[in-house]
């Protein structure tokens, strides 16, 4: 019941000062619009699956080190260059 009374009080307070009410409404609209735009951008760019025309040729390479789990050891730039130099395309 206190939520409804608080809501009524907020509406009465905002109705007395039109400038603050307009600022609140515009701020909420801008925040909701920006949130929707950013989510759409992230969804379109990051969350959609990658499209690969030749998926059977994809290779996943990982390395491991003593005391570390697989996939936790990053490749250095020289290692990546060595892998690229040793790659032979049929």
Protein backbone atom coordinates (compact mmCIF):
# COMPACT_ATOMS: atom_id res chain seq x y z
CA UNK A 1 0.00 0.00 0.00
CA UNK A 2 2.88 2.39 0.63
CA UNK A 3 4.01 2.06 -2.99
CA UNK A 4 0.70 3.39 -4.26
CA UNK A 5 0.75 6.30 -1.83
CA UNK A 6 4.33 7.08 -2.82
CA UNK A 7 3.36 6.95 -6.48
CA UNK A 8 0.42 9.31 -5.89
CA UNK A 9 2.69 11.70 -4.01
CA UNK A 10 5.25 11.63 -6.85
CA UNK A 11 2.58 12.34 -9.47
CA UNK A 12 1.17 15.25 -7.40
CA UNK A 13 4.66 16.68 -6.91
CA UNK A 14 5.51 16.43 -10.60
CA UNK A 15 2.16 17.97 -11.61
CA UNK A 16 2.98 21.09 -9.56
CA UNK A 17 6.29 21.72 -11.34
CA UNK A 18 5.88 21.22 -15.07
CA UNK A 19 9.56 21.86 -15.87
CA UNK A 20 10.76 19.06 -13.63
CA UNK A 21 8.09 16.72 -15.00
CA UNK A 22 9.16 17.38 -18.58
CA UNK A 23 12.82 16.88 -17.62
CA UNK A 24 12.01 13.56 -15.92
CA UNK A 25 9.99 12.29 -18.87
CA UNK A 26 12.64 13.33 -21.42
CA UNK A 27 15.42 11.78 -19.33
CA UNK A 28 13.53 8.49 -19.07
CA UNK A 29 12.77 8.50 -22.80
CA UNK A 30 16.40 9.20 -23.67
CA UNK A 31 17.64 6.47 -21.33
CA UNK A 32 15.21 3.86 -22.64
CA UNK A 33 15.97 4.80 -26.26
CA UNK A 34 19.73 4.67 -25.73
CA UNK A 35 19.43 1.31 -23.96
CA UNK A 36 17.39 -0.13 -26.84
CA UNK A 37 19.83 1.21 -29.45
CA UNK A 38 22.91 -0.14 -27.66
CA UNK A 39 21.29 -3.53 -27.08
CA UNK A 40 20.32 -3.75 -30.76
CA UNK A 41 23.87 -2.89 -31.78
CA UNK A 42 25.42 -5.44 -29.40
CA UNK A 43 22.93 -8.09 -30.46
CA UNK A 44 23.57 -7.47 -34.14
CA UNK A 45 27.35 -7.33 -33.92
CA UNK A 46 28.40 -9.57 -31.04
CA UNK A 47 25.63 -12.07 -30.37
CA UNK A 48 24.75 -13.27 -33.86
CA UNK A 49 26.59 -16.40 -34.99
CA UNK A 50 29.54 -16.05 -37.31
CA UNK A 51 28.94 -16.94 -40.93
CA UNK A 52 31.68 -19.09 -42.44
CA UNK A 53 31.38 -20.30 -45.99
CA UNK A 54 33.82 -23.19 -45.54
CA UNK A 55 33.25 -24.38 -41.96
CA UNK A 56 34.78 -27.84 -42.40
CA UNK A 57 38.18 -26.18 -42.91
CA UNK A 58 38.11 -24.28 -39.60
CA UNK A 59 40.69 -25.37 -37.04
CA UNK A 60 40.75 -24.61 -33.32
CA UNK A 61 44.27 -24.37 -31.90
CA UNK A 62 45.08 -24.17 -28.21
CA UNK A 63 48.15 -24.73 -26.12
CA UNK A 64 48.68 -25.71 -22.52
CA UNK A 65 51.40 -25.34 -19.95
CA UNK A 66 52.19 -27.31 -16.79
CA UNK A 67 50.00 -26.13 -13.94
CA UNK A 68 47.56 -24.33 -16.21
CA UNK A 69 44.42 -25.64 -17.81
CA UNK A 70 43.96 -25.98 -21.55
CA UNK A 71 43.00 -22.77 -23.27
CA UNK A 72 44.36 -20.58 -20.47
CA UNK A 73 47.73 -20.01 -22.14
CA UNK A 74 47.61 -17.27 -24.78
CA UNK A 75 49.66 -17.35 -27.95
CA UNK A 76 52.41 -14.79 -28.38
CA UNK A 77 52.81 -12.82 -31.60
CA UNK A 78 55.88 -14.81 -32.75
CA UNK A 79 53.99 -18.09 -32.13
CA UNK A 80 51.07 -16.88 -34.23
CA UNK A 81 53.47 -15.83 -37.00
CA UNK A 82 55.14 -19.26 -36.90
CA UNK A 83 51.73 -20.96 -37.16
CA UNK A 84 50.80 -18.77 -40.12
CA UNK A 85 54.11 -19.48 -41.85
CA UNK A 86 53.65 -23.23 -41.37
CA UNK A 87 50.06 -23.22 -42.64
CA UNK A 88 49.82 -24.84 -46.05
CA UNK A 89 46.61 -24.25 -48.00
CA UNK A 90 45.77 -27.09 -50.38
